[in-house]
Amino acid sequence: MLEIRDVSRRFGATTAVDRVSLTIEPGQMVGIIGRSGAGKSTLLRMINRLIDPSDGSILFNGTAVSALAGKALRAWQRDCAMVFQQFNLVPRLDVVSNVLHGTLNRRSTLATVFNLFPQSDIYQAIDILDRLGIAAHAPKRVEALSGGQQQRVAIARALMQDPKIILADEPIASLDPMNAQVVMDTLRRIHEEDGRMIVCNLHTLDTARRYCDRVIGMRDGRIVFDGLPEELTTSAARDIYGADESFSESATSTSIESLEPALASHAQARPAAALEPAFAL
C-alpha cells in the first residue's frame, strides 16, 4: 500500500504540491488528471524520490520511503519504476541495450561502463519486448523507431526492473491517438496480468475513464476529485480544470473516434488526391 501523508513541495515562493494526502491500495491502476502546472508530475517525482518533499511523508507497505538514503533509496527506485513523457532512452543504442538499462541499479560500475550483461538478462529483455509486441525491433537503434514504439521500449525497461509500482508521467502526451491507444493498452494489460500498481499522469478525461480503476483530479497542487471513472462527470471535470460552462471534453480527447468528425470535415474541404499522403499510416 502506498500512503502519501500531508505532502507538500515548494519551489521558492511557489507551492507545486499543497498538503496532499492519498492512499493507493495494491494492484490499483490510478489516473491523475489536471491541467499543466496542477502538480501531477511533481507528485510522481516525489513518490520516486527524484525530488524530496518539503513537508509530509510517503510510505510504502509501512516503510517511510521519503526518508530513505543510499543503498535503500536505490532499492526503492528499482521497486518504483518511472516511465517519462520523453522516453529518456539512449537514441544511438539498440533497443535491447536500452531495456537492459533497467538492471543498472543492481550492476557494478564496470559492467555499466562496458555494457556487460549476463545472457539470462538479455533473454529476459527479449522476452519482455516480445510480450510488448516489439521483439522484431530488438537489434535496431532506438532512434529508428516511432514514438509509440519508443514508449513501449521505455515500458519494457521499467519491467526489466521487476518493480512493485510503475509511475507513468504523461506517457502519451507526445503521441498521436493510435500510438497513444497502443501504449495505454500495454499499461493496462501489464496491470491486469501482473497485478502491478500503476499510477499514471494524464491530460485527458476519456483516457482516464477508459483505462483507470480510480481517477484523481488535481488543481493548483491540491486534490479536488477522487473517485471512480464513472463519477468523473463534466461538472467534476470543470472543477478540476477550473473551467466554465464552455468547457468541452472533446478538446482534451485523445481517442481515435473523437477525431473522425474533424477528419470528415477536413476531407470535404480538400481534394481526395491531396488527402492521401496527409493521412497515410
C-alpha atoms as a PDB file:
ATOM      1  CA  MET A   1       0.000   0.000   0.000  1.00  0.00           C
ATOM      2  CA  LEU A   2       1.225   3.455  -0.935  1.00  0.00           C
ATOM      3  CA  GLU A   3       0.453   6.218   1.553  1.00  0.00           C
ATOM      4  CA  ILE A   4       1.023   9.922   0.991  1.00  0.00           C
ATOM      5  CA  ARG A   5       0.566  11.952   4.160  1.00  0.00           C
ATOM      6  CA  ASP A   6       0.224  15.739   4.069  1.00  0.00           C
ATOM      7  CA  VAL A   7       2.919  16.043   1.409  1.00  0.00           C
ATOM      8  CA  SER A   8       3.899  19.452   0.067  1.00  0.00           C
ATOM      9  CA  ARG A   9       6.606  20.609  -2.290  1.00  0.00           C
ATOM     10  CA  ARG A  10       7.704  24.197  -2.643  1.00  0.00           C
ATOM     11  CA  PHE A  11       9.997  25.746  -5.218  1.00  0.00           C
ATOM     12  CA  GLY A  12      10.937  29.101  -3.740  1.00  0.00           C
ATOM     13  CA  ALA A  13       7.700  31.033  -3.269  1.00  0.00           C
ATOM     14  CA  THR A  14       5.729  28.608  -5.463  1.00  0.00           C
ATOM     15  CA  THR A  15       3.878  25.675  -3.913  1.00  0.00           C
ATOM     16  CA  ALA A  16       3.656  22.936  -6.552  1.00  0.00           C
ATOM     17  CA  VAL A  17       2.011  20.327  -4.301  1.00  0.00           C
ATOM     18  CA  ASP A  18      -0.013  21.508  -1.331  1.00  0.00           C
ATOM     19  CA  ARG A  19      -0.720  19.172   1.616  1.00  0.00           C
ATOM     20  CA  VAL A  20      -1.734  16.137  -0.426  1.00  0.00           C
ATOM     21  CA  SER A  21      -2.905  13.022   1.412  1.00  0.00           C
ATOM     22  CA  LEU A  22      -3.659   9.876  -0.537  1.00  0.00           C
ATOM     23  CA  THR A  23      -3.760   6.090  -0.079  1.00  0.00           C
ATOM     24  CA  ILE A  24      -3.455   3.702  -3.027  1.00  0.00           C
ATOM     25  CA  GLU A  25      -4.227   0.043  -2.478  1.00  0.00           C
ATOM     26  CA  PRO A  26      -2.120  -2.761  -4.016  1.00  0.00           C
ATOM     27  CA  GLY A  27      -2.997  -3.624  -7.596  1.00  0.00           C
ATOM     28  CA  GLN A  28      -4.849  -0.421  -8.456  1.00  0.00           C
ATOM     29  CA  MET A  29      -4.404   1.469 -11.723  1.00  0.00           C
ATOM     30  CA  VAL A  30      -4.845   5.133 -10.854  1.00  0.00           C
ATOM     31  CA  GLY A  31      -5.055   8.061 -13.233  1.00  0.00           C
ATOM     32  CA  ILE A  32      -4.146  11.565 -12.085  1.00  0.00           C
ATOM     33  CA  ILE A  33      -5.614  14.317 -14.252  1.00  0.00           C
ATOM     34  CA  GLY A  34      -5.428  18.071 -14.291  1.00  0.00           C
ATOM     35  CA  ARG A  35      -4.173  20.947 -16.360  1.00  0.00           C
ATOM     36  CA  SER A  36      -0.461  21.680 -16.807  1.00  0.00           C
ATOM     37  CA  GLY A  37       1.019  23.040 -13.596  1.00  0.00           C
ATOM     38  CA  ALA A  38      -1.502  21.259 -11.361  1.00  0.00           C
ATOM     39  CA  GLY A  39       1.278  19.375  -9.534  1.00  0.00           C
ATOM     40  CA  LYS A  40       0.865  15.949 -11.118  1.00  0.00           C
ATOM     41  CA  SER A  41       4.476  15.454 -12.256  1.00  0.00           C
ATOM     42  CA  THR A  42       5.881  16.877  -9.039  1.00  0.00           C
ATOM     43  CA  LEU A  43       3.817  14.383  -7.048  1.00  0.00           C
ATOM     44  CA  LEU A  44       5.097  11.406  -9.047  1.00  0.00           C
ATOM     45  CA  ARG A  45       8.679  12.602  -8.817  1.00  0.00           C
ATOM     46  CA  MET A  46       8.372  12.811  -5.037  1.00  0.00           C
ATOM     47  CA  ILE A  47       6.998   9.265  -4.871  1.00  0.00           C
ATOM     48  CA  ASN A  48      10.009   8.024  -6.855  1.00  0.00           C
ATOM     49  CA  ARG A  49      12.300  10.331  -4.831  1.00  0.00           C
ATOM     50  CA  LEU A  50      13.667  12.157  -7.862  1.00  0.00           C
ATOM     51  CA  ILE A  51      12.850  15.171  -5.705  1.00  0.00           C
ATOM     52  CA  ASP A  52      12.170  15.321  -1.973  1.00  0.00           C
ATOM     53  CA  PRO A  53       9.012  16.572  -0.241  1.00  0.00           C
ATOM     54  CA  SER A  54       9.264  19.904   1.552  1.00  0.00           C
ATOM     55  CA  ASP A  55       6.836  18.562   4.170  1.00  0.00           C
ATOM     56  CA  GLY A  56       4.977  15.356   4.919  1.00  0.00           C
ATOM     57  CA  SER A  57       5.858  11.720   4.387  1.00  0.00           C
ATOM     58  CA  ILE A  58       5.485   8.966   1.782  1.00  0.00           C
ATOM     59  CA  LEU A  59       5.229   5.332   2.880  1.00  0.00           C
ATOM     60  CA  PHE A  60       5.093   2.025   1.030  1.00  0.00           C
ATOM     61  CA  ASN A  61       3.990  -1.029   2.994  1.00  0.00           C
ATOM     62  CA  GLY A  62       4.853   0.845   6.185  1.00  0.00           C
ATOM     63  CA  THR A  63       8.359   1.927   5.127  1.00  0.00           C
ATOM     64  CA  ALA A  64       8.964   5.678   5.019  1.00  0.00           C
ATOM     65  CA  VAL A  65      10.419   5.951   1.521  1.00  0.00           C
ATOM     66  CA  SER A  66      10.617   9.738   1.895  1.00  0.00           C
ATOM     67  CA  ALA A  67      13.371   9.176   4.487  1.00  0.00           C
ATOM     68  CA  LEU A  68      15.454   6.621   2.561  1.00  0.00           C
ATOM     69  CA  ALA A  69      19.061   7.286   1.535  1.00  0.00           C
ATOM     70  CA  GLY A  70      21.978   5.472  -0.115  1.00  0.00           C
ATOM     71  CA  LYS A  71      21.504   1.803  -0.935  1.00  0.00           C
ATOM     72  CA  ALA A  72      17.960   1.745   0.467  1.00  0.00           C
ATOM     73  CA  LEU A  73      16.955   4.659  -1.770  1.00  0.00           C
ATOM     74  CA  ARG A  74      18.420   2.944  -4.853  1.00  0.00           C
ATOM     75  CA  ALA A  75      16.461  -0.199  -3.969  1.00  0.00           C
ATOM     76  CA  TRP A  76      13.264   1.862  -3.729  1.00  0.00           C
ATOM     77  CA  GLN A  77      13.867   3.465  -7.121  1.00  0.00           C
ATOM     78  CA  ARG A  78      14.275  -0.026  -8.547  1.00  0.00           C
ATOM     79  CA  ASP A  79      10.941  -1.076  -6.980  1.00  0.00           C
ATOM     80  CA  CYS A  80       9.258   2.141  -8.146  1.00  0.00           C
ATOM     81  CA  ALA A  81       9.945   2.445 -11.889  1.00  0.00           C
ATOM     82  CA  MET A  82       9.367   5.645 -13.872  1.00  0.00           C
ATOM     83  CA  VAL A  83       8.107   5.989 -17.449  1.00  0.00           C
ATOM     84  CA  PHE A  84       8.543   9.508 -18.830  1.00  0.00           C
ATOM     85  CA  GLN A  85       6.780  11.552 -21.499  1.00  0.00           C
ATOM     86  CA  GLN A  86      10.018  11.992 -23.492  1.00  0.00           C
ATOM     87  CA  PHE A  87      11.003   8.286 -23.154  1.00  0.00           C
ATOM     88  CA  ASN A  88      14.506   9.026 -21.691  1.00  0.00           C
ATOM     89  CA  LEU A  89      16.146   6.406 -23.903  1.00  0.00           C
ATOM     90  CA  VAL A  90      19.628   6.419 -25.463  1.00  0.00           C
ATOM     91  CA  PRO A  91      18.822   7.043 -29.162  1.00  0.00           C
ATOM     92  CA  ARG A  92      22.033   5.580 -30.651  1.00  0.00           C
ATOM     93  CA  LEU A  93      21.922   2.361 -28.638  1.00  0.00           C
ATOM     94  CA  ASP A  94      19.953  -0.649 -29.803  1.00  0.00           C
ATOM     95  CA  VAL A  95      16.584  -1.495 -28.291  1.00  0.00           C
ATOM     96  CA  VAL A  96      17.826  -4.444 -26.195  1.00  0.00           C
ATOM     97  CA  SER A  97      20.602  -2.382 -24.596  1.00  0.00           C
ATOM     98  CA  ASN A  98      18.093   0.291 -23.635  1.00  0.00           C
ATOM     99  CA  VAL A  99      15.854  -2.313 -21.999  1.00  0.00           C
ATOM    100  CA  LEU A 100      18.844  -3.799 -20.163  1.00  0.00           C
ATOM    101  CA  HIS A 101      19.496  -0.389 -18.631  1.00  0.00           C
ATOM    102  CA  GLY A 102      16.642  -1.280 -16.326  1.00  0.00           C
ATOM    103  CA  THR A 103      19.123  -3.522 -14.497  1.00  0.00           C
ATOM    104  CA  LEU A 104      21.849  -0.882 -13.994  1.00  0.00           C
ATOM    105  CA  ASN A 105      20.630  -0.200 -10.476  1.00  0.00           C
ATOM    106  CA  ARG A 106      21.859  -3.645  -9.447  1.00  0.00           C
ATOM    107  CA  ARG A 107      25.004  -3.905 -11.619  1.00  0.00           C
ATOM    108  CA  SER A 108      28.608  -2.993 -10.868  1.00  0.00           C
ATOM    109  CA  THR A 109      30.148   0.201 -12.213  1.00  0.00           C
ATOM    110  CA  LEU A 110      32.464  -1.808 -14.524  1.00  0.00           C
ATOM    111  CA  ALA A 111      29.565  -3.745 -16.042  1.00  0.00           C
ATOM    112  CA  THR A 112      27.666  -0.492 -16.538  1.00  0.00           C
ATOM    113  CA  VAL A 113      30.547   1.278 -18.305  1.00  0.00           C
ATOM    114  CA  PHE A 114      31.176  -1.572 -20.748  1.00  0.00           C
ATOM    115  CA  ASN A 115      27.541  -2.641 -21.220  1.00  0.00           C
ATOM    116  CA  LEU A 116      28.271  -6.125 -19.883  1.00  0.00           C
ATOM    117  CA  PHE A 117      25.084  -8.045 -19.188  1.00  0.00           C
ATOM    118  CA  PRO A 118      24.504 -11.715 -18.293  1.00  0.00           C
ATOM    119  CA  GLN A 119      22.990 -13.809 -21.053  1.00  0.00           C
ATOM    120  CA  SER A 120      19.994 -14.529 -18.802  1.00  0.00           C
ATOM    121  CA  ASP A 121      19.233 -10.791 -18.644  1.00  0.00           C
ATOM    122  CA  ILE A 122      19.472 -10.493 -22.427  1.00  0.00           C
ATOM    123  CA  TYR A 123      16.988 -13.345 -22.858  1.00  0.00           C
ATOM    124  CA  GLN A 124      14.683 -11.741 -20.312  1.00  0.00           C
ATOM    125  CA  ALA A 125      14.845  -8.395 -22.125  1.00  0.00           C
ATOM    126  CA  ILE A 126      13.892 -10.065 -25.426  1.00  0.00           C
ATOM    127  CA  ASP A 127      11.024 -11.908 -23.702  1.00  0.00           C
ATOM    128  CA  ILE A 128       9.688  -8.602 -22.373  1.00  0.00           C
ATOM    129  CA  LEU A 129       9.968  -6.998 -25.803  1.00  0.00           C
ATOM    130  CA  ASP A 130       8.104  -9.967 -27.273  1.00  0.00           C
ATOM    131  CA  ARG A 131       5.387  -9.527 -24.673  1.00  0.00           C
ATOM    132  CA  LEU A 132       5.002  -5.889 -25.733  1.00  0.00           C
ATOM    133  CA  GLY A 133       4.937  -6.780 -29.431  1.00  0.00           C
ATOM    134  CA  ILE A 134       8.239  -5.188 -30.460  1.00  0.00           C
ATOM    135  CA  ALA A 135      10.762  -8.043 -30.266  1.00  0.00           C
ATOM    136  CA  ALA A 136      11.366  -7.735 -34.018  1.00  0.00           C
ATOM    137  CA  HIS A 137      12.926  -4.306 -33.359  1.00  0.00           C
ATOM    138  CA  ALA A 138      15.379  -5.619 -30.719  1.00  0.00           C
ATOM    139  CA  PRO A 139      18.583  -5.090 -32.773  1.00  0.00           C
ATOM    140  CA  LYS A 140      17.569  -1.687 -34.170  1.00  0.00           C
ATOM    141  CA  ARG A 141      18.753   1.648 -32.865  1.00  0.00           C
ATOM    142  CA  VAL A 142      16.064   3.280 -30.772  1.00  0.00           C
ATOM    143  CA  GLU A 143      16.185   6.419 -32.929  1.00  0.00           C
ATOM    144  CA  ALA A 144      14.841   4.359 -35.869  1.00  0.00           C
ATOM    145  CA  LEU A 145      11.584   3.579 -34.023  1.00  0.00           C
ATOM    146  CA  SER A 146       8.324   5.513 -33.954  1.00  0.00           C
ATOM    147  CA  GLY A 147       7.298   7.423 -30.855  1.00  0.00           C
ATOM    148  CA  GLY A 148       4.826   4.744 -29.791  1.00  0.00           C
ATOM    149  CA  GLN A 149       7.434   2.012 -30.220  1.00  0.00           C
ATOM    150  CA  GLN A 150       9.969   4.023 -28.224  1.00  0.00           C
ATOM    151  CA  GLN A 151       7.493   4.426 -25.392  1.00  0.00           C
ATOM    152  CA  ARG A 152       6.970   0.658 -25.336  1.00  0.00           C
ATOM    153  CA  VAL A 153      10.760   0.249 -25.120  1.00  0.00           C
ATOM    154  CA  ALA A 154      10.670   2.588 -22.112  1.00  0.00           C
ATOM    155  CA  ILE A 155       7.917   0.461 -20.551  1.00  0.00           C
ATOM    156  CA  ALA A 156       9.992  -2.679 -21.250  1.00  0.00           C
ATOM    157  CA  ARG A 157      12.946  -1.045 -19.470  1.00  0.00           C
ATOM    158  CA  ALA A 158      10.689  -0.372 -16.482  1.00  0.00           C
ATOM    159  CA  LEU A 159       9.511  -4.009 -16.459  1.00  0.00           C
ATOM    160  CA  MET A 160      13.153  -5.133 -16.540  1.00  0.00           C
ATOM    161  CA  GLN A 161      13.420  -3.670 -13.042  1.00  0.00           C
ATOM    162  CA  ASP A 162      10.600  -6.009 -11.901  1.00  0.00           C
ATOM    163  CA  PRO A 163       9.051  -3.099  -9.984  1.00  0.00           C
ATOM    164  CA  LYS A 164       6.260  -3.136  -7.442  1.00  0.00           C
ATOM    165  CA  ILE A 165       4.961   0.185  -8.793  1.00  0.00           C
ATOM    166  CA  ILE A 166       5.105   1.786 -12.239  1.00  0.00           C
ATOM    167  CA  LEU A 167       4.780   5.568 -12.323  1.00  0.00           C
ATOM    168  CA  ALA A 168       3.952   6.877 -15.802  1.00  0.00           C
ATOM    169  CA  ASP A 169       4.351  10.640 -16.203  1.00  0.00           C
ATOM    170  CA  GLU A 170       2.279  11.782 -19.204  1.00  0.00           C
ATOM    171  CA  PRO A 171       3.235   8.635 -21.198  1.00  0.00           C
ATOM    172  CA  ILE A 172       1.042   9.516 -24.193  1.00  0.00           C
ATOM    173  CA  ALA A 173       1.275  13.324 -24.240  1.00  0.00           C
ATOM    174  CA  SER A 174       3.657  13.371 -27.224  1.00  0.00           C
ATOM    175  CA  LEU A 175       1.975  10.561 -29.180  1.00  0.00           C
ATOM    176  CA  ASP A 176      -0.673  10.519 -31.891  1.00  0.00           C
ATOM    177  CA  PRO A 177      -4.043   8.914 -30.988  1.00  0.00           C
ATOM    178  CA  MET A 178      -3.266   5.493 -32.496  1.00  0.00           C
ATOM    179  CA  ASN A 179       0.061   5.151 -30.683  1.00  0.00           C
ATOM    180  CA  ALA A 180      -1.479   6.585 -27.505  1.00  0.00           C
ATOM    181  CA  GLN A 181      -4.050   3.804 -27.548  1.00  0.00           C
ATOM    182  CA  VAL A 182      -1.392   1.114 -28.045  1.00  0.00           C
ATOM    183  CA  VAL A 183       0.679   2.456 -25.120  1.00  0.00           C
ATOM    184  CA  MET A 184      -2.326   2.691 -22.779  1.00  0.00           C
ATOM    185  CA  ASP A 185      -3.473  -0.803 -23.816  1.00  0.00           C
ATOM    186  CA  THR A 186       0.029  -2.002 -22.918  1.00  0.00           C
ATOM    187  CA  LEU A 187      -0.025  -0.403 -19.463  1.00  0.00           C
ATOM    188  CA  ARG A 188      -3.496  -1.749 -18.754  1.00  0.00           C
ATOM    189  CA  ARG A 189      -2.506  -5.266 -19.821  1.00  0.00           C
ATOM    190  CA  ILE A 190       0.543  -5.154 -17.526  1.00  0.00           C
ATOM    191  CA  HIS A 191      -1.695  -4.040 -14.677  1.00  0.00           C
ATOM    192  CA  GLU A 192      -4.183  -6.859 -15.257  1.00  0.00           C
ATOM    193  CA  GLU A 193      -1.702  -9.659 -15.972  1.00  0.00           C
ATOM    194  CA  ASP A 194       0.903  -8.789 -13.337  1.00  0.00           C
ATOM    195  CA  GLY A 195      -1.286  -7.138 -10.704  1.00  0.00           C
ATOM    196  CA  ARG A 196       1.177  -4.246 -10.519  1.00  0.00           C
ATOM    197  CA  MET A 197       0.208  -0.891  -9.096  1.00  0.00           C
ATOM    198  CA  ILE A 198       0.283   1.740 -11.848  1.00  0.00           C
ATOM    199  CA  VAL A 199      -0.071   5.472 -11.258  1.00  0.00           C
ATOM    200  CA  CYS A 200      -0.391   7.404 -14.489  1.00  0.00           C
ATOM    201  CA  ASN A 201      -0.497  11.166 -15.061  1.00  0.00           C
ATOM    202  CA  LEU A 202      -2.888  12.042 -17.862  1.00  0.00           C
ATOM    203  CA  HIS A 203      -4.283  15.166 -19.511  1.00  0.00           C
ATOM    204  CA  THR A 204      -7.415  13.616 -20.950  1.00  0.00           C
ATOM    205  CA  LEU A 205     -10.690  12.539 -19.375  1.00  0.00           C
ATOM    206  CA  ASP A 206     -11.588   9.837 -21.889  1.00  0.00           C
ATOM    207  CA  THR A 207      -8.269   8.055 -21.330  1.00  0.00           C
ATOM    208  CA  ALA A 208      -8.657   8.176 -17.548  1.00  0.00           C
ATOM    209  CA  ARG A 209     -12.191   6.784 -17.716  1.00  0.00           C
ATOM    210  CA  ARG A 210     -11.299   4.026 -20.151  1.00  0.00           C
ATOM    211  CA  TYR A 211      -8.146   2.653 -18.544  1.00  0.00           C
ATOM    212  CA  CYS A 212      -8.099   3.528 -14.834  1.00  0.00           C
ATOM    213  CA  ASP A 213      -9.813   1.936 -11.829  1.00  0.00           C
ATOM    214  CA  ARG A 214      -9.714   5.230  -9.963  1.00  0.00           C
ATOM    215  CA  VAL A 215      -9.277   8.840 -11.019  1.00  0.00           C
ATOM    216  CA  ILE A 216      -7.711  11.643  -9.005  1.00  0.00           C
ATOM    217  CA  GLY A 217      -8.074  15.246 -10.081  1.00  0.00           C
ATOM    218  CA  MET A 218      -5.509  17.880  -9.100  1.00  0.00           C
ATOM    219  CA  ARG A 219      -5.831  21.650  -9.296  1.00  0.00           C
ATOM    220  CA  ASP A 220      -3.300  24.182  -8.005  1.00  0.00           C
ATOM    221  CA  GLY A 221      -1.356  21.468  -6.179  1.00  0.00           C
ATOM    222  CA  ARG A 222      -4.348  20.028  -4.317  1.00  0.00           C
ATOM    223  CA  ILE A 223      -6.635  17.036  -4.810  1.00  0.00           C
ATOM    224  CA  VAL A 224     -10.092  18.266  -5.816  1.00  0.00           C
ATOM    225  CA  PHE A 225     -11.521  14.940  -7.048  1.00  0.00           C
ATOM    226  CA  ASP A 226     -11.020  11.316  -6.036  1.00  0.00           C
ATOM    227  CA  GLY A 227     -13.463   8.761  -7.353  1.00  0.00           C
ATOM    228  CA  LEU A 228     -14.457   6.049  -9.808  1.00  0.00           C
ATOM    229  CA  PRO A 229     -14.208   6.720 -13.560  1.00  0.00           C
ATOM    230  CA  GLU A 230     -17.994   6.894 -13.898  1.00  0.00           C
ATOM    231  CA  GLU A 231     -18.082   9.618 -11.247  1.00  0.00           C
ATOM    232  CA  LEU A 232     -15.910  11.861 -13.402  1.00  0.00           C
ATOM    233  CA  THR A 233     -18.774  13.927 -14.774  1.00  0.00           C
ATOM    234  CA  THR A 234     -18.477  17.019 -16.929  1.00  0.00           C
ATOM    235  CA  SER A 235     -19.265  19.104 -13.852  1.00  0.00           C
ATOM    236  CA  ALA A 236     -16.433  17.446 -11.913  1.00  0.00           C
ATOM    237  CA  ALA A 237     -14.100  17.982 -14.877  1.00  0.00           C
ATOM    238  CA  ARG A 238     -14.908  21.693 -14.953  1.00  0.00           C
ATOM    239  CA  ASP A 239     -13.908  21.931 -11.304  1.00  0.00           C
ATOM    240  CA  ILE A 240     -10.646  20.034 -11.914  1.00  0.00           C
ATOM    241  CA  TYR A 241      -9.676  22.189 -14.893  1.00  0.00           C
ATOM    242  CA  GLY A 242     -11.022  25.424 -13.443  1.00  0.00           C
ATOM    243  CA  ALA A 243     -13.259  25.887 -16.489  1.00  0.00           C
ATOM    244  CA  ASP A 244     -16.658  27.462 -17.068  1.00  0.00           C
ATOM    245  CA  GLU A 245     -19.687  26.017 -18.867  1.00  0.00           C
ATOM    246  CA  SER A 246     -17.999  26.432 -22.246  1.00  0.00           C
ATOM    247  CA  PHE A 247     -15.607  23.584 -21.341  1.00  0.00           C
ATOM    248  CA  SER A 248     -15.784  20.707 -23.844  1.00  0.00           C
ATOM    249  CA  GLU A 249     -14.305  17.275 -23.230  1.00  0.00           C
ATOM    250  CA  SER A 250     -13.657  16.823 -26.947  1.00  0.00           C
ATOM    251  CA  ALA A 251     -10.962  19.484 -26.717  1.00  0.00           C
ATOM    252  CA  THR A 252      -8.926  17.207 -24.427  1.00  0.00           C
ATOM    253  CA  SER A 253      -9.738  13.890 -26.087  1.00  0.00           C
ATOM    254  CA  THR A 254      -7.071  11.581 -27.496  1.00  0.00           C
ATOM    255  CA  SER A 255      -9.455   8.896 -28.737  1.00  0.00           C
ATOM    256  CA  ILE A 256      -9.359   7.970 -32.409  1.00  0.00           C
ATOM    257  CA  GLU A 257     -13.160   8.168 -32.556  1.00  0.00           C
ATOM    258  CA  SER A 258     -13.153  11.802 -31.465  1.00  0.00           C
ATOM    259  CA  LEU A 259     -11.054  12.707 -34.496  1.00  0.00           C
ATOM    260  CA  GLU A 260     -13.443  11.217 -37.058  1.00  0.00           C
ATOM    261  CA  PRO A 261     -15.795  14.247 -37.370  1.00  0.00           C
ATOM    262  CA  ALA A 262     -12.797  16.558 -37.785  1.00  0.00           C
ATOM    263  CA  LEU A 263     -11.233  14.323 -40.404  1.00  0.00           C
ATOM    264  CA  ALA A 264     -14.516  14.051 -42.305  1.00  0.00           C
ATOM    265  CA  SER A 265     -14.880  17.823 -42.334  1.00  0.00           C
ATOM    266  CA  HIS A 266     -11.271  18.203 -43.450  1.00  0.00           C
ATOM    267  CA  ALA A 267     -11.807  15.687 -46.253  1.00  0.00           C
ATOM    268  CA  GLN A 268     -14.746  17.624 -47.637  1.00  0.00           C
ATOM    269  CA  ALA A 269     -12.643  20.771 -47.809  1.00  0.00           C
ATOM    270  CA  ARG A 270      -9.735  19.234 -49.749  1.00  0.00           C
ATOM    271  CA  PRO A 271      -9.348  17.218 -52.971  1.00  0.00           C
ATOM    272  CA  ALA A 272      -9.096  13.462 -52.413  1.00  0.00           C
ATOM    273  CA  ALA A 273      -5.672  13.266 -54.071  1.00  0.00           C
ATOM    274  CA  ALA A 274      -4.285  15.801 -51.613  1.00  0.00           C
ATOM    275  CA  LEU A 275      -5.549  13.808 -48.626  1.00  0.00           C
ATOM    276  CA  GLU A 276      -3.788  10.541 -49.342  1.00  0.00           C
ATOM    277  CA  PRO A 277      -0.294  11.454 -48.124  1.00  0.00           C
ATOM    278  CA  ALA A 278      -1.609  13.504 -45.198  1.00  0.00           C
ATOM    279  CA  PHE A 279      -3.435  10.587 -43.564  1.00  0.00           C
ATOM    280  CA  ALA A 280      -1.370   7.631 -44.684  1.00  0.00           C
ATOM    281  CA  LEU A 281      -0.461   5.365 -41.759  1.00  0.00           C
END
